[in-house]
Protein backbone atom coordinates (compact mmCIF):
# COMPACT_ATOMS: atom_id res chain seq x y z
CA MET A 1 86.83 69.18 49.77
CA LYS A 2 86.88 73.43 49.77
CA GLN A 3 85.58 73.10 53.66
CA GLN A 4 88.05 70.86 54.31
CA ASP A 5 91.05 72.58 53.05
CA ASN A 6 89.51 75.91 54.62
CA VAL A 7 89.78 74.48 58.26
CA PHE A 8 93.21 73.21 57.15
CA LYS A 9 93.97 76.67 56.57
CA LEU A 10 91.80 78.38 59.18
CA ILE A 11 94.24 75.89 61.81
CA ASP A 12 97.69 76.95 60.49
CA MET A 13 96.75 80.58 60.56
CA ARG A 14 95.93 80.06 64.19
CA ASN A 15 99.03 77.78 65.05
CA LYS A 16 100.62 81.13 63.25
CA ILE A 17 99.20 83.64 65.84
CA ASN A 18 99.89 81.53 68.70
CA TYR A 19 103.56 81.29 67.64
CA LEU A 20 103.44 85.29 67.01
CA THR A 21 102.28 85.78 70.44
CA PHE A 22 104.79 83.53 72.11
CA ILE A 23 107.49 85.53 69.96
CA LEU A 24 105.92 88.94 71.38
CA ILE A 25 105.34 87.98 75.14
CA ILE A 26 108.98 86.73 75.13
CA PHE A 27 110.17 89.98 73.38
CA PHE A 28 108.36 91.86 76.04
CA LEU A 29 109.70 90.07 79.25
CA ASN A 30 113.75 90.64 77.38
CA HIS A 31 112.94 94.25 77.36
CA CYS A 32 111.15 94.49 80.56
CA SER A 33 114.02 92.99 82.50
CA PHE A 34 114.98 96.00 83.68
CA ASP A 35 111.59 98.11 83.48
CA LYS A 36 111.68 100.59 86.73
CA LYS A 37 108.33 101.27 86.21
CA SER A 38 106.59 97.60 85.39
CA GLY A 39 107.62 95.99 88.59
CA ILE A 40 108.27 92.41 87.41
CA TRP A 41 111.69 92.94 88.79
CA LYS A 42 111.36 94.64 91.80
CA GLY A 43 113.07 91.65 93.62
CA TYR A 44 116.00 91.77 91.17
CA GLU A 45 116.49 95.35 91.93
CA LYS A 46 116.12 95.50 95.51
CA GLU A 47 119.00 92.51 95.39
CA LEU A 48 120.99 94.90 93.28
CA GLU A 49 120.40 97.70 96.16
CA ARG A 50 121.53 95.20 98.78
CA ILE A 51 124.86 94.05 96.53
CA SER A 52 125.76 97.71 96.04
CA GLN A 53 125.44 98.19 100.06
CA LEU A 54 127.48 94.84 100.78
CA GLU A 55 129.99 96.66 98.23
CA GLU A 56 130.22 99.62 99.41
CA LYS A 57 130.64 97.94 103.22
CA HIS A 58 133.45 95.69 101.83
CA GLY A 59 135.73 98.79 100.41
CA LYS A 60 135.12 100.30 103.95
CA ILE A 61 136.32 97.30 105.27
CA THR A 62 139.81 97.43 103.05
CA LYS A 63 140.44 100.43 103.58
CA SER A 64 139.65 101.01 107.60
CA LEU A 65 141.99 99.76 110.45
CA ILE A 66 141.54 96.82 112.71
CA TYR A 67 140.18 98.49 115.54
CA SER A 68 142.62 97.69 118.84
CA SER A 69 142.17 98.72 122.28
CA LYS A 70 145.05 100.54 124.67
CA ASP A 71 144.92 97.47 127.29
CA GLU A 72 145.72 94.57 125.36
CA PHE A 73 147.70 91.83 127.60
CA GLN A 74 151.77 92.39 127.24
CA LYS A 75 152.79 90.67 130.11
CA GLU A 76 155.54 87.46 129.94
CA ILE A 77 155.90 85.52 133.13
CA LEU A 78 158.42 82.61 133.52
CA PRO A 79 156.76 79.50 134.27
CA SER A 80 156.99 78.55 138.04
CA ARG A 81 155.91 74.51 136.73
CA ASP A 82 156.17 72.73 133.55
CA ALA A 83 152.75 71.54 131.85
CA ARG A 84 150.74 68.40 132.44
CA LEU A 85 149.53 67.63 129.21
CA SER A 86 148.09 64.63 128.10
CA VAL A 87 149.20 61.91 125.76
CA PRO A 88 148.71 63.03 121.98
CA TYR A 89 145.80 61.24 120.08
CA SER A 90 145.18 60.59 116.61
CA ASN A 91 142.28 61.67 114.16
CA ASN A 92 141.97 61.07 110.78
CA SER A 93 139.32 63.78 109.28
CA TRP A 94 138.58 67.15 110.14
CA GLU A 95 135.34 67.38 109.17
CA MET A 96 133.01 71.44 110.50
CA PRO A 97 134.93 74.31 111.28
CA GLY A 98 136.37 73.77 115.08
CA PHE A 99 137.12 70.24 114.68
CA ASN A 100 134.23 68.95 116.47
CA TYR A 101 130.53 70.35 118.36
CA GLN A 102 132.53 71.67 121.14
CA ASN A 103 135.00 73.42 119.19
CA SER A 104 137.11 71.36 121.78
CA LEU A 105 141.05 70.22 120.45
CA GLY A 106 143.61 69.10 122.89
CA ASN A 107 146.93 67.34 121.93
CA LEU A 108 146.25 66.11 118.85
CA TYR A 109 149.41 63.71 117.07
CA LEU A 110 151.48 64.98 115.06
CA LYS A 111 154.43 63.31 112.91
CA GLY A 112 156.68 66.78 112.44
CA ILE A 113 156.89 69.29 110.20
CA GLN A 114 160.15 68.63 108.17
CA ASP A 115 158.97 67.35 105.29
CA ARG A 116 156.79 69.63 103.49
CA PHE A 117 154.88 66.97 101.42
CA LEU A 118 152.03 69.48 99.60
CA LYS A 119 152.40 72.86 98.22
CA LYS A 120 149.96 73.55 95.77
CA ARG A 121 147.89 77.15 94.82
CA VAL A 122 144.00 76.09 93.90
CA GLY A 123 141.65 79.02 93.35
CA LYS A 124 142.34 82.95 93.39
CA ASN A 125 141.96 85.69 96.18
CA LYS A 126 141.54 88.71 94.69
CA PHE A 127 140.61 91.16 97.85
CA ASN A 128 143.02 91.34 99.98
CA LEU A 129 140.84 91.43 103.01
CA PRO A 130 142.90 91.32 106.08
CA GLN A 131 139.58 88.99 107.96
CA LYS A 132 139.80 85.55 109.33
CA ASN A 133 139.25 82.65 106.97
CA GLN A 134 137.91 79.14 107.54
CA SER A 135 140.69 76.77 107.92
CA PRO A 136 140.56 73.53 105.02
CA LEU A 137 138.37 70.44 105.86
CA LEU A 138 139.98 67.06 105.76
CA PHE A 139 137.71 64.39 104.66
CA LYS A 140 138.78 60.70 103.22
CA ASN A 141 142.25 61.91 102.54
CA ASN A 142 140.82 65.22 100.79
CA LEU A 143 141.29 68.69 101.34
CA ILE A 144 137.97 70.89 101.03
CA PHE A 145 138.91 75.08 100.93
CA SER A 146 137.71 77.77 99.36
CA ASP A 147 139.12 81.40 97.97
CA ASP A 148 137.59 85.04 98.47
CA LYS A 149 135.85 84.98 95.05
CA GLY A 150 133.34 82.16 96.33
CA SER A 151 134.96 79.01 94.52
CA ILE A 152 135.30 75.83 96.66
CA PHE A 153 137.28 73.34 96.02
CA LYS A 154 138.02 68.83 96.74
CA ILE A 155 141.80 67.92 96.29
CA ASN A 156 143.83 65.33 97.39
CA LYS A 157 146.97 65.74 99.32
CA LYS A 158 149.46 65.25 96.13
CA GLY A 159 147.16 68.50 94.95
CA GLN A 160 144.88 66.72 92.33
CA GLN A 161 141.95 68.63 91.97
CA PHE A 162 138.38 66.53 91.84
CA TRP A 163 136.24 69.38 91.31
CA LYS A 164 135.30 73.08 91.42
CA ILE A 165 132.36 74.56 92.12
CA ASN A 166 131.30 78.22 92.09
CA ILE A 167 127.62 79.27 92.91
CA TYR A 168 127.54 83.24 92.40
CA LYS A 169 126.30 85.03 89.00
CA LYS A 170 127.80 87.91 87.61
CA ILE A 171 125.98 90.58 90.13
CA TYR A 172 127.76 89.00 93.10
CA LYS A 173 130.95 89.32 91.49
CA LYS A 174 132.57 92.38 92.84
CA LEU A 175 131.64 91.01 96.39
CA TYR A 176 134.13 89.56 99.01
CA LYS A 177 133.21 86.18 99.80
CA ASN A 178 133.88 84.60 103.05
CA LEU A 179 132.74 81.20 103.19
CA THR A 180 131.85 79.05 106.53
CA TYR A 181 131.32 74.99 105.42
CA SER A 182 130.61 71.60 107.21
CA ILE A 183 130.40 68.21 106.08
CA TYR A 184 127.16 66.33 106.96
CA ASN A 185 126.48 62.48 105.21
CA ASP A 186 128.18 62.98 102.69
CA ASN A 187 127.54 66.49 101.41
CA LEU A 188 128.79 70.04 101.91
CA TYR A 189 126.91 72.65 103.69
CA VAL A 190 128.07 76.03 102.88
CA ALA A 191 127.08 79.84 104.60
CA ASP A 192 128.53 82.75 103.46
CA ASN A 193 128.90 87.03 104.47
CA ILE A 194 126.35 88.01 101.50
CA GLY A 195 123.28 85.69 102.43
CA PHE A 196 123.34 82.06 100.90
CA ILE A 197 122.91 78.90 102.16
CA TYR A 198 123.58 76.09 100.10
CA SER A 199 124.58 72.60 100.08
CA ILE A 200 126.90 70.25 97.35
CA ASP A 201 127.53 66.75 96.84
CA ILE A 202 131.04 66.15 98.31
CA LYS A 203 131.54 63.24 95.70
CA THR A 204 130.53 65.14 92.45
CA GLY A 205 131.01 68.89 93.71
CA GLN A 206 127.30 69.47 92.40
CA LEU A 207 124.88 71.78 93.30
CA ILE A 208 121.78 70.17 95.76
CA TRP A 209 120.28 73.60 96.69
CA LYS A 210 120.47 76.64 97.37
CA GLN A 211 118.44 79.63 99.94
CA ASN A 212 119.22 83.49 100.13
CA PHE A 213 118.20 84.97 103.29
CA ALA A 214 119.34 88.30 102.08
CA ILE A 215 121.11 88.64 105.31
CA PRO A 216 124.74 87.94 105.53
CA PHE A 217 126.02 85.29 108.13
CA LYS A 218 128.45 86.02 111.06
CA SER A 219 129.48 82.49 112.69
CA LYS A 220 130.37 79.17 111.49
CA ILE A 221 127.67 76.82 110.20
CA LYS A 222 127.52 73.75 112.69
CA ILE A 223 124.97 70.47 111.68
CA PHE A 224 123.32 68.39 114.18
CA GLU A 225 121.02 65.74 113.89
CA ASP A 226 119.69 67.02 110.69
CA LYS A 227 119.50 70.27 111.54
CA ILE A 228 121.94 73.36 110.29
CA PHE A 229 122.49 75.95 112.76
CA ILE A 230 124.04 79.68 112.26
CA ILE A 231 124.20 83.58 113.45
CA ASP A 232 123.45 86.46 111.14
CA GLN A 233 124.13 89.76 110.98
CA ASP A 234 121.31 90.87 112.43
CA ASN A 235 122.25 88.75 115.86
CA ARG A 236 119.64 85.64 115.24
CA ILE A 237 120.38 82.38 115.72
CA LEU A 238 118.87 80.20 112.79
CA CYS A 239 117.76 76.38 113.10
CA LEU A 240 116.84 74.99 109.00
CA ASP A 241 116.42 71.32 107.35
CA THR A 242 119.10 69.86 106.08
CA LYS A 243 117.04 68.40 103.06
CA GLU A 244 116.32 71.85 101.22
CA GLY A 245 118.00 74.76 103.59
CA LYS A 246 114.06 75.72 105.20
CA LYS A 247 113.43 77.66 107.96
CA ILE A 248 112.47 75.69 110.91
CA TRP A 249 112.61 78.13 113.69
CA ASP A 250 114.53 81.23 114.67
CA ILE A 251 115.92 83.62 118.00
CA PRO A 252 116.23 87.30 117.30
CA THR A 253 118.67 88.94 119.94
CA ILE A 254 119.81 92.79 120.35
CA GLN A 255 120.63 94.22 117.04
CA THR A 256 123.42 96.42 117.27
CA PHE A 257 123.70 99.07 114.71
CA ILE A 258 127.98 98.84 113.41
CA LYS A 259 128.11 95.54 112.05
CA SER A 260 131.18 93.66 113.56
CA ASN A 261 133.41 92.08 111.01
CA ASN A 262 134.80 88.99 113.43
CA LEU A 263 132.79 85.78 113.32
CA LEU A 264 130.42 84.82 116.47
CA GLY A 265 131.28 81.99 118.33
CA LEU A 266 129.08 79.01 118.18
CA ALA A 267 128.96 75.26 119.56
CA ILE A 268 126.73 72.39 120.73
CA SER A 269 126.75 70.80 123.58
CA LYS A 270 127.04 66.17 124.13
CA ASN A 271 123.46 66.92 125.09
CA GLY A 272 122.79 69.20 121.82
CA ASP A 273 122.14 72.23 123.10
CA LEU A 274 123.78 75.23 121.24
CA VAL A 275 125.50 78.13 122.91
CA PHE A 276 126.09 80.94 121.10
CA VAL A 277 127.45 84.71 121.95
CA ASN A 278 126.47 87.94 119.92
CA SER A 279 127.77 91.06 118.57
CA ILE A 280 126.70 92.70 122.37
CA GLY A 281 128.83 89.85 123.97
CA ASP A 282 125.48 88.59 125.46
CA VAL A 283 125.89 84.56 125.72
CA LEU A 284 122.91 82.06 125.46
CA LYS A 285 122.19 78.45 125.72
CA VAL A 286 119.08 77.07 123.81
CA SER A 287 117.88 73.89 122.86
CA SER A 288 118.92 73.16 119.65
CA LYS A 289 115.56 71.02 119.20
CA ASN A 290 113.15 73.76 119.60
CA GLY A 291 114.80 76.62 120.67
CA ARG A 292 114.04 76.88 123.93
CA ILE A 293 116.06 79.97 125.86
CA TYR A 294 117.85 77.81 128.84
CA TRP A 295 119.48 80.85 130.36
CA THR A 296 121.50 84.17 128.82
CA MET A 297 124.46 86.70 130.42
CA ASN A 298 126.50 89.27 129.02
CA SER A 299 130.08 88.64 128.91
CA LEU A 300 131.27 92.20 128.49
CA VAL A 301 132.69 93.98 131.48
CA SER A 302 132.30 97.43 129.70
CA LEU A 303 128.87 98.08 128.25
CA SER A 304 129.80 100.84 126.22
CA THR A 305 128.40 101.42 122.56
CA TYR A 306 131.79 101.86 121.45
CA VAL A 307 132.95 98.43 122.78
CA SER A 308 129.61 96.90 121.73
CA ASP A 309 129.67 98.18 118.12
CA PHE A 310 133.07 96.85 117.88
CA PHE A 311 132.84 93.55 119.73
CA GLN A 312 135.00 90.52 118.65
CA SER A 313 135.28 87.01 120.19
CA SER A 314 137.47 84.37 119.38
CA ASP A 315 135.09 81.07 118.73
CA ILE A 316 133.20 79.38 121.99
CA VAL A 317 134.80 76.57 123.51
CA ILE A 318 132.88 73.79 125.69
CA ASN A 319 134.77 71.30 127.89
CA LYS A 320 133.21 69.26 130.40
CA ASN A 321 130.89 71.33 132.63
CA ASP A 322 132.45 74.87 131.31
CA ILE A 323 132.37 76.72 128.69
CA ILE A 324 135.50 78.96 127.64
CA PHE A 325 135.97 81.55 125.17
CA SER A 326 138.07 84.98 125.12
CA SER A 327 135.59 88.28 123.94
CA ALA A 328 136.35 92.11 123.37
CA THR A 329 137.78 92.78 126.87
CA SER A 330 138.46 89.04 128.79
CA THR A 331 138.27 85.29 128.96
CA LEU A 332 136.19 83.68 130.57
CA SER A 333 134.91 80.42 131.68
CA ILE A 334 130.98 80.19 132.52
CA ASN A 335 129.06 76.85 133.88
CA LEU A 336 127.30 75.37 131.04
CA TYR A 337 124.76 74.37 133.53
CA SER A 338 123.84 77.46 134.78
CA GLY A 339 125.70 80.02 132.98
CA TYR A 340 127.35 81.46 136.12
CA VAL A 341 130.69 82.70 135.95
CA ASN A 342 133.08 81.04 136.81
CA TRP A 343 135.99 83.07 136.24
CA ILE A 344 137.19 86.31 134.20
CA VAL A 345 140.90 86.91 133.35
CA LYS A 346 141.73 90.31 131.73
CA ILE A 347 143.30 88.25 128.59
CA LYS A 348 141.37 89.03 125.00
CA SER A 349 142.01 86.77 121.88
CA THR A 350 140.34 86.38 118.78
CA ASN A 351 141.88 82.64 118.94
CA THR A 352 140.37 79.92 119.67
CA PRO A 353 141.05 78.42 123.26
CA ILE A 354 143.04 74.91 123.59
CA ILE A 355 142.09 73.05 126.72
CA ASP A 356 143.96 70.39 127.81
CA ASN A 357 143.92 68.68 131.12
CA GLU A 358 144.05 71.91 133.66
CA ASN A 359 145.62 74.11 130.88
CA ILE A 360 143.85 76.64 128.70
CA PHE A 361 146.51 77.83 126.10
CA LEU A 362 145.92 81.25 124.52
CA ILE A 363 147.62 83.37 122.01
CA THR A 364 146.47 86.48 121.81
CA ASP A 365 146.47 88.47 118.83
CA ASN A 366 149.31 90.84 119.77
CA GLY A 367 151.10 87.37 120.15
CA TYR A 368 151.81 86.47 123.65
CA PHE A 369 151.34 82.55 124.26
CA VAL A 370 149.58 82.38 127.49
CA ASN A 371 148.93 78.92 130.10
CA LEU A 372 146.07 79.81 132.32
CA ASN A 373 145.11 76.89 135.49
CA ARG A 374 141.85 75.97 134.23
CA GLU A 375 140.09 75.76 137.62
CA ASN A 376 140.67 79.28 138.72
CA GLY A 377 142.01 81.27 135.71
CA LYS A 378 145.32 82.18 137.10
CA ILE A 379 148.61 82.72 134.51
CA VAL A 380 150.72 79.90 135.09
CA TRP A 381 153.08 81.18 132.19
CA SER A 382 153.39 83.73 129.47
CA THR A 383 155.74 84.50 126.62
CA ASN A 384 155.95 86.78 123.47
CA ILE A 385 156.56 84.28 120.56
CA LEU A 386 156.41 87.33 118.24
CA LYS A 387 159.89 88.53 120.01
CA PHE A 388 162.16 86.15 118.19
CA LEU A 389 161.00 87.23 114.61
CA LYS A 390 163.05 90.56 112.83
CA LYS A 391 162.00 93.80 114.68
CA LYS A 392 160.05 95.01 110.90
CA ASP A 393 158.01 91.27 110.93
CA GLN A 394 156.93 92.02 114.57
CA LEU A 395 154.27 94.43 113.35
CA THR A 396 152.21 91.21 112.82
CA THR A 397 149.49 89.53 114.68
CA VAL A 398 148.59 85.73 115.26
CA SER A 399 145.78 84.52 112.97
CA GLY A 400 145.77 81.37 114.66
CA PHE A 401 146.98 78.27 116.37
CA ILE A 402 146.91 74.67 117.02
CA MET A 403 148.43 71.98 119.54
CA GLY A 404 150.23 68.60 118.32
CA SER A 405 152.11 66.42 119.94
CA ASP A 406 153.02 68.63 122.95
CA LYS A 407 153.80 71.71 120.85
CA ILE A 408 152.00 74.64 120.00
CA PHE A 409 152.20 75.82 115.85
CA ALA A 410 151.05 79.47 115.90
CA THR A 411 150.52 81.53 112.19
CA THR A 412 150.73 84.93 111.95
CA THR A 413 149.21 87.55 109.33
CA ASN A 414 152.77 88.33 107.50
CA GLY A 415 152.97 84.30 107.28
CA TYR A 416 155.39 82.95 109.69
CA LEU A 417 154.91 79.48 111.22
CA ILE A 418 155.95 79.83 115.16
CA VAL A 419 156.49 76.41 117.04
CA SER A 420 156.67 76.52 120.94
CA SER A 421 156.75 73.90 123.71
CA ALA A 422 153.29 73.57 125.24
CA VAL A 423 154.87 72.76 128.26
CA ASN A 424 156.52 75.18 129.03
CA GLY A 425 156.11 77.94 126.26
CA LYS A 426 159.45 78.47 125.06
CA VAL A 427 159.44 79.26 121.22
CA GLU A 428 161.34 76.74 119.40
CA TYR A 429 161.83 77.58 115.48
CA LYS A 430 160.00 80.05 113.24
CA ARG A 431 160.19 79.83 109.02
CA LYS A 432 158.11 82.26 107.07
CA ILE A 433 156.04 79.74 104.68
CA ALA A 434 153.81 82.52 103.08
CA ASP A 435 153.06 86.23 102.43
CA SER A 436 150.36 85.85 104.53
CA ILE A 437 147.99 83.89 106.26
CA TYR A 438 144.11 84.50 107.72
CA SER A 439 142.94 80.54 108.67
CA SER A 440 144.33 78.23 111.51
CA PRO A 441 145.88 75.32 111.30
CA ILE A 442 144.49 72.06 111.23
CA ILE A 443 146.07 68.62 111.78
CA GLY A 444 145.10 65.29 110.16
CA ASN A 445 146.44 61.69 110.13
CA GLY A 446 149.57 62.99 111.93
CA GLU A 447 149.95 65.88 109.17
CA LEU A 448 149.58 69.94 109.24
CA PHE A 449 147.46 72.09 106.92
CA ILE A 450 147.82 75.57 106.26
CA LEU A 451 145.77 77.63 103.88
CA THR A 452 147.87 80.80 102.79
CA ALA A 453 146.20 84.47 102.11
CA ASN A 454 147.03 83.69 98.05
CA SER A 455 144.70 80.29 98.45
CA LYS A 456 148.21 78.13 98.13
CA ILE A 457 147.28 74.58 100.25
CA LEU A 458 150.76 73.44 102.55
CA GLY A 459 151.11 70.50 104.10
CA PHE A 460 154.22 69.29 106.51
CA LYS A 461 154.70 65.90 108.47
C-alpha cells in the first residue's frame, strides 16, 4: 500500500514539474518577444524596419508635389465631324478593375444622372494622399470598395452594410493602404501597396488565406484561369495560384532606384496573353501559362533617367489587334502580335483610354478631352473641359472618366462631375458632388457609381 502511495506521489510530482516547465517556457517566450540578442523574432524586427521605411516614404508622398512636365497638351481643336458611336450596351456587373481583362469599355448604357439614389459614407479615409484609388466593384447588385485604412466593405445599393473586414495588425496602423481587388469564383482577391495579397469569401467576408510578399504591389490585380497576375514595386510580374496565393512563376524586369507612386498598366488578351508596362516604360507580352516572353519594346520617346524615375502611365487597353495606352510622354498604339508601333501622338494621360468604333477618347490630367482617330492617331477634336469651371476651381486634375449612352462622365480631384458629349466634345453639365475624388466612375445596370475621397459612395440614375 505504501509503495502504491509513493507511486502516486511520484506521478503528482512529475505533473507539477511538467506544469512548472510549461509556465517557464511561456514566461520566457513572452519576455523574449522583442529581445534583439536572442534572434528568435528576427523576422518580426525586419518587418518593423520595413514598415518604418514605408511610413517614411508615404510621408514624403504627402508632402511632395505631383511631377508634371512643361509639355502638357494644351490645344483646343474644333470638330471637323461628329464622332460615330456604337449603340450603348448594358452590363449588370463590374467584377474586376478595368471592367474586363482587356480594360476595354466602349459605350455603356446609362439611364441618366437626374436621380441620386445613393449617398452613403462607409469607412473613413485618414491619410489624405492625392493618389488614384481603385473604383468600386459591382457584383449581384452589391458594391465592394475600400478605404485608405485597409478596410473593405460590402453594401447593397440602398447603403446597407453586409460585412467589413480589415486584415491589418496594429503595427501597420500608420501606413496608408491602397488596395486593388477583383472577384473570381465568388471570392474577392486583394493586393496592396505594402506587400500583402489575400482572399476573402465574398458572401461572408471571412478571410480565406493571406500571404505577405514584403514588396509593395504596383498594378491592379487580374485573375485568369485560376491564376493571379500582378506587378510588384521591383518591376516583377508575379503569377500566383488562387487556392493559397503561392507563386507559380515570376518574371523580373529592370528595376529603378526611385519607385513610381502610379499603378502600372496590366491587361490580358482574349488569347490569354499578358501585356504589361513597367516603371521604365518597357512593354512586354508574355504567356499567362508559363511566363514565356513573346516580345518587349520601350514606350518612352526620351530614355533619360529623370523621365524613367517619374514614369506614369494609364492602364493598358487591348482592343482587337491593338494595344493602346498613354505613357509618360505620349499615347501609343502597338500591334498586339508583333510589338511594332502603329503610331505615337504627343499626348499623355494617366486616365485609361476608351475606344469606340474608330474613336479613341482620352482625357488628359490637365482636363483636355481629346478624340483620336484609331487608325492613325490624328486628333479629330479636342476641348478643355476644365475651363467651364470657376477660375479658382480650374486648378485641379481629372481623376477618371467613363462613357455612358453617348456621353463622357469625368470626375476631378476637387470633386466635380463634368458631363460632355462624346459626339462633339461639348460640355453639357457640371456639378460639384464631393470635396475630392481620386477614382474613376463605374456603370452597372444603367446606373452610375462614384467613390469619393472621404469614402462616400454615390449612385445616380
